[in-house]
N, C-alpha and C. Protein backbone atom coordinates (compact mmCIF):
# COMPACT_ATOMS: atom_id res chain seq x y z
N MET A 1 118.63 -127.34 125.75
CA MET A 1 117.27 -127.01 126.12
C MET A 1 116.75 -128.04 127.12
N ALA A 2 115.99 -127.56 128.07
CA ALA A 2 115.46 -128.44 129.11
C ALA A 2 114.43 -129.41 128.53
N GLN A 3 114.42 -130.60 129.06
CA GLN A 3 113.48 -131.64 128.58
C GLN A 3 112.42 -131.97 129.63
N HIS A 4 112.79 -131.91 130.89
CA HIS A 4 111.86 -132.27 131.95
C HIS A 4 110.88 -131.14 132.21
N LYS A 5 109.67 -131.54 132.60
CA LYS A 5 108.61 -130.58 132.87
C LYS A 5 109.03 -129.59 133.96
N SER A 6 109.66 -130.10 135.01
CA SER A 6 110.06 -129.24 136.12
C SER A 6 111.15 -128.26 135.70
N ALA A 7 112.06 -128.70 134.83
CA ALA A 7 113.13 -127.81 134.36
C ALA A 7 112.58 -126.72 133.46
N ILE A 8 111.60 -127.06 132.64
CA ILE A 8 110.96 -126.06 131.77
C ILE A 8 110.23 -125.02 132.62
N LYS A 9 109.54 -125.49 133.66
CA LYS A 9 108.83 -124.58 134.56
C LYS A 9 109.83 -123.67 135.27
N ARG A 10 110.95 -124.24 135.68
CA ARG A 10 111.96 -123.46 136.39
C ARG A 10 112.52 -122.36 135.49
N ILE A 11 112.71 -122.64 134.22
CA ILE A 11 113.20 -121.63 133.28
C ILE A 11 112.20 -120.48 133.18
N ARG A 12 110.90 -120.82 133.11
CA ARG A 12 109.88 -119.77 133.06
C ARG A 12 109.89 -118.93 134.33
N ARG A 13 109.99 -119.59 135.48
CA ARG A 13 110.00 -118.88 136.76
C ARG A 13 111.23 -117.98 136.87
N ASP A 14 112.39 -118.49 136.42
CA ASP A 14 113.62 -117.69 136.47
C ASP A 14 113.51 -116.45 135.62
N ALA A 15 112.88 -116.59 134.45
CA ALA A 15 112.72 -115.44 133.56
C ALA A 15 111.85 -114.36 134.22
N ARG A 16 110.76 -114.78 134.85
CA ARG A 16 109.89 -113.81 135.54
C ARG A 16 110.63 -113.14 136.69
N GLN A 17 111.36 -113.93 137.46
CA GLN A 17 112.08 -113.40 138.61
C GLN A 17 113.18 -112.45 138.18
N THR A 18 113.84 -112.76 137.06
CA THR A 18 114.90 -111.89 136.55
C THR A 18 114.35 -110.52 136.19
N LEU A 19 113.20 -110.48 135.53
CA LEU A 19 112.58 -109.20 135.19
C LEU A 19 112.24 -108.41 136.45
N LEU A 20 111.71 -109.09 137.44
CA LEU A 20 111.35 -108.43 138.69
C LEU A 20 112.59 -107.88 139.39
N ASN A 21 113.66 -108.67 139.42
CA ASN A 21 114.90 -108.22 140.06
C ASN A 21 115.50 -107.03 139.33
N HIS A 22 115.43 -107.02 138.01
CA HIS A 22 115.96 -105.88 137.25
C HIS A 22 115.19 -104.61 137.58
N SER A 23 113.88 -104.71 137.73
CA SER A 23 113.11 -103.52 138.06
C SER A 23 113.42 -103.04 139.47
N ARG A 24 113.66 -103.98 140.39
CA ARG A 24 114.02 -103.59 141.76
C ARG A 24 115.37 -102.89 141.79
N ILE A 25 116.34 -103.42 141.05
CA ILE A 25 117.67 -102.79 140.99
C ILE A 25 117.56 -101.41 140.37
N ALA A 26 116.78 -101.28 139.30
CA ALA A 26 116.61 -99.99 138.63
C ALA A 26 115.98 -98.98 139.58
N ARG A 27 115.03 -99.43 140.40
CA ARG A 27 114.38 -98.53 141.36
C ARG A 27 115.39 -98.02 142.38
N VAL A 28 116.26 -98.88 142.87
CA VAL A 28 117.29 -98.47 143.82
C VAL A 28 118.23 -97.46 143.16
N ARG A 29 118.63 -97.74 141.93
CA ARG A 29 119.54 -96.83 141.21
C ARG A 29 118.91 -95.47 141.01
N THR A 30 117.60 -95.44 140.75
CA THR A 30 116.90 -94.16 140.57
C THR A 30 116.96 -93.32 141.84
N PHE A 31 116.74 -93.95 142.98
CA PHE A 31 116.80 -93.22 144.24
C PHE A 31 118.22 -92.71 144.51
N ILE A 32 119.23 -93.51 144.18
CA ILE A 32 120.61 -93.09 144.37
C ILE A 32 120.94 -91.93 143.43
N LYS A 33 120.40 -91.97 142.22
CA LYS A 33 120.65 -90.90 141.26
C LYS A 33 120.06 -89.58 141.75
N LYS A 34 118.91 -89.64 142.41
CA LYS A 34 118.30 -88.42 142.95
C LYS A 34 119.22 -87.78 143.99
N ILE A 35 119.85 -88.60 144.81
CA ILE A 35 120.79 -88.09 145.80
C ILE A 35 121.98 -87.45 145.11
N ASP A 36 122.53 -88.14 144.11
CA ASP A 36 123.69 -87.62 143.38
C ASP A 36 123.39 -86.28 142.73
N LEU A 37 122.22 -86.15 142.13
CA LEU A 37 121.85 -84.89 141.49
C LEU A 37 121.74 -83.76 142.51
N ALA A 38 121.18 -84.06 143.67
CA ALA A 38 121.05 -83.03 144.71
C ALA A 38 122.43 -82.65 145.24
N ILE A 39 123.34 -83.61 145.36
CA ILE A 39 124.69 -83.32 145.83
C ILE A 39 125.42 -82.45 144.81
N MET A 40 125.28 -82.81 143.53
CA MET A 40 125.97 -82.04 142.48
C MET A 40 125.43 -80.61 142.41
N ALA A 41 124.14 -80.44 142.71
CA ALA A 41 123.55 -79.11 142.71
C ALA A 41 123.94 -78.32 143.95
N GLY A 42 124.46 -79.01 144.97
CA GLY A 42 124.87 -78.35 146.20
C GLY A 42 123.71 -78.05 147.13
N ASP A 43 122.59 -78.68 146.93
CA ASP A 43 121.40 -78.45 147.75
C ASP A 43 121.37 -79.47 148.88
N LYS A 44 121.83 -79.05 150.05
CA LYS A 44 121.95 -79.97 151.18
C LYS A 44 120.59 -80.47 151.67
N ALA A 45 119.60 -79.60 151.72
CA ALA A 45 118.28 -79.99 152.19
C ALA A 45 117.66 -81.04 151.26
N ALA A 46 117.77 -80.82 149.97
CA ALA A 46 117.22 -81.78 148.99
C ALA A 46 117.97 -83.10 149.06
N ALA A 47 119.28 -83.03 149.27
CA ALA A 47 120.09 -84.24 149.35
C ALA A 47 119.71 -85.05 150.59
N GLN A 48 119.50 -84.36 151.71
CA GLN A 48 119.11 -85.07 152.93
C GLN A 48 117.74 -85.70 152.78
N LEU A 49 116.82 -85.00 152.13
CA LEU A 49 115.49 -85.54 151.90
C LEU A 49 115.56 -86.76 150.98
N ALA A 50 116.36 -86.64 149.92
CA ALA A 50 116.51 -87.76 148.98
C ALA A 50 117.14 -88.96 149.66
N LEU A 51 118.11 -88.72 150.55
CA LEU A 51 118.75 -89.81 151.28
C LEU A 51 117.75 -90.49 152.22
N LYS A 52 116.92 -89.68 152.86
CA LYS A 52 115.91 -90.23 153.77
C LYS A 52 114.90 -91.10 153.01
N GLU A 53 114.57 -90.71 151.78
CA GLU A 53 113.66 -91.49 150.96
C GLU A 53 114.33 -92.74 150.39
N ALA A 54 115.63 -92.64 150.10
CA ALA A 54 116.35 -93.75 149.46
C ALA A 54 116.70 -94.85 150.46
N GLN A 55 116.89 -94.49 151.69
CA GLN A 55 117.35 -95.46 152.69
C GLN A 55 116.43 -96.68 152.80
N PRO A 56 115.13 -96.53 152.97
CA PRO A 56 114.29 -97.72 153.05
C PRO A 56 114.24 -98.50 151.73
N GLU A 57 114.37 -97.78 150.62
CA GLU A 57 114.34 -98.46 149.32
C GLU A 57 115.57 -99.33 149.12
N ILE A 58 116.73 -98.84 149.55
CA ILE A 58 117.96 -99.62 149.45
C ILE A 58 117.88 -100.83 150.36
N MET A 59 117.37 -100.65 151.57
CA MET A 59 117.26 -101.77 152.49
C MET A 59 116.20 -102.78 152.01
N ARG A 60 115.20 -102.31 151.30
CA ARG A 60 114.21 -103.22 150.71
C ARG A 60 114.89 -104.09 149.66
N GLY A 61 115.85 -103.51 148.94
CA GLY A 61 116.63 -104.30 147.99
C GLY A 61 117.38 -105.42 148.67
N VAL A 62 117.81 -105.19 149.90
CA VAL A 62 118.50 -106.23 150.67
C VAL A 62 117.52 -107.35 151.02
N THR A 63 116.35 -106.98 151.52
CA THR A 63 115.39 -108.00 151.93
C THR A 63 114.86 -108.80 150.74
N LYS A 64 114.83 -108.18 149.57
CA LYS A 64 114.36 -108.88 148.37
C LYS A 64 115.47 -109.68 147.70
N GLY A 65 116.70 -109.51 148.16
CA GLY A 65 117.79 -110.33 147.66
C GLY A 65 118.51 -109.79 146.44
N VAL A 66 118.31 -108.53 146.09
CA VAL A 66 119.00 -107.98 144.93
C VAL A 66 120.29 -107.25 145.32
N LEU A 67 120.45 -106.98 146.59
CA LEU A 67 121.68 -106.35 147.11
C LEU A 67 122.15 -107.12 148.33
N HIS A 68 123.45 -107.19 148.49
CA HIS A 68 124.01 -107.78 149.71
C HIS A 68 123.91 -106.72 150.81
N LYS A 69 123.72 -107.17 152.05
CA LYS A 69 123.51 -106.20 153.14
C LYS A 69 124.73 -105.31 153.36
N ASN A 70 125.93 -105.85 153.19
CA ASN A 70 127.13 -105.02 153.37
C ASN A 70 127.28 -104.01 152.23
N THR A 71 126.87 -104.39 151.03
CA THR A 71 126.90 -103.47 149.91
C THR A 71 125.96 -102.30 150.17
N ALA A 72 124.77 -102.60 150.64
CA ALA A 72 123.79 -101.56 150.94
C ALA A 72 124.30 -100.65 152.05
N ALA A 73 124.87 -101.23 153.08
CA ALA A 73 125.39 -100.44 154.20
C ALA A 73 126.52 -99.53 153.73
N ARG A 74 127.39 -100.07 152.89
CA ARG A 74 128.52 -99.28 152.38
C ARG A 74 128.02 -98.12 151.53
N ARG A 75 127.05 -98.38 150.65
CA ARG A 75 126.50 -97.32 149.80
C ARG A 75 125.84 -96.23 150.64
N LEU A 76 125.04 -96.65 151.63
CA LEU A 76 124.39 -95.66 152.48
C LEU A 76 125.40 -94.83 153.26
N SER A 77 126.44 -95.48 153.75
CA SER A 77 127.47 -94.78 154.50
C SER A 77 128.17 -93.74 153.63
N ARG A 78 128.53 -94.15 152.42
CA ARG A 78 129.23 -93.23 151.52
C ARG A 78 128.34 -92.09 151.06
N LEU A 79 127.07 -92.40 150.78
CA LEU A 79 126.14 -91.34 150.39
C LEU A 79 125.92 -90.36 151.53
N ASN A 80 125.79 -90.88 152.75
CA ASN A 80 125.61 -90.03 153.91
C ASN A 80 126.82 -89.11 154.11
N ALA A 81 128.01 -89.65 153.93
CA ALA A 81 129.23 -88.84 154.08
C ALA A 81 129.27 -87.74 153.03
N ARG A 82 128.84 -88.06 151.81
CA ARG A 82 128.83 -87.05 150.75
C ARG A 82 127.81 -85.96 151.04
N VAL A 83 126.64 -86.36 151.57
CA VAL A 83 125.61 -85.37 151.89
C VAL A 83 126.10 -84.46 153.01
N LEU A 84 126.74 -85.03 154.01
CA LEU A 84 127.23 -84.21 155.14
C LEU A 84 128.36 -83.28 154.73
N SER A 85 129.07 -83.61 153.67
CA SER A 85 130.20 -82.77 153.24
C SER A 85 129.76 -81.55 152.42
N ILE A 86 128.47 -81.47 152.08
CA ILE A 86 127.98 -80.31 151.32
C ILE A 86 128.06 -79.07 152.20
N GLN A 87 128.58 -78.01 151.64
CA GLN A 87 128.73 -76.76 152.40
C GLN A 87 127.46 -75.95 152.40
């Protein structure tokens, strides 16, 4: 257990930041899930709309530090390829 005042404060700050990061990650996953559901349903228009809505949210995850930029780019690329493959 931390003894110094600054270390105790840091533990409190880390706990708050962890909760915030978890909610940000969950928000990104929700947007990705919407795309997946539209793809599974075969609805190309809904999938494209969901991708358009998810794109800024995923990139916001990068700026907030919960996703690496290459991870976000890879996910967007793969999701886009899946959306374009819908007949």
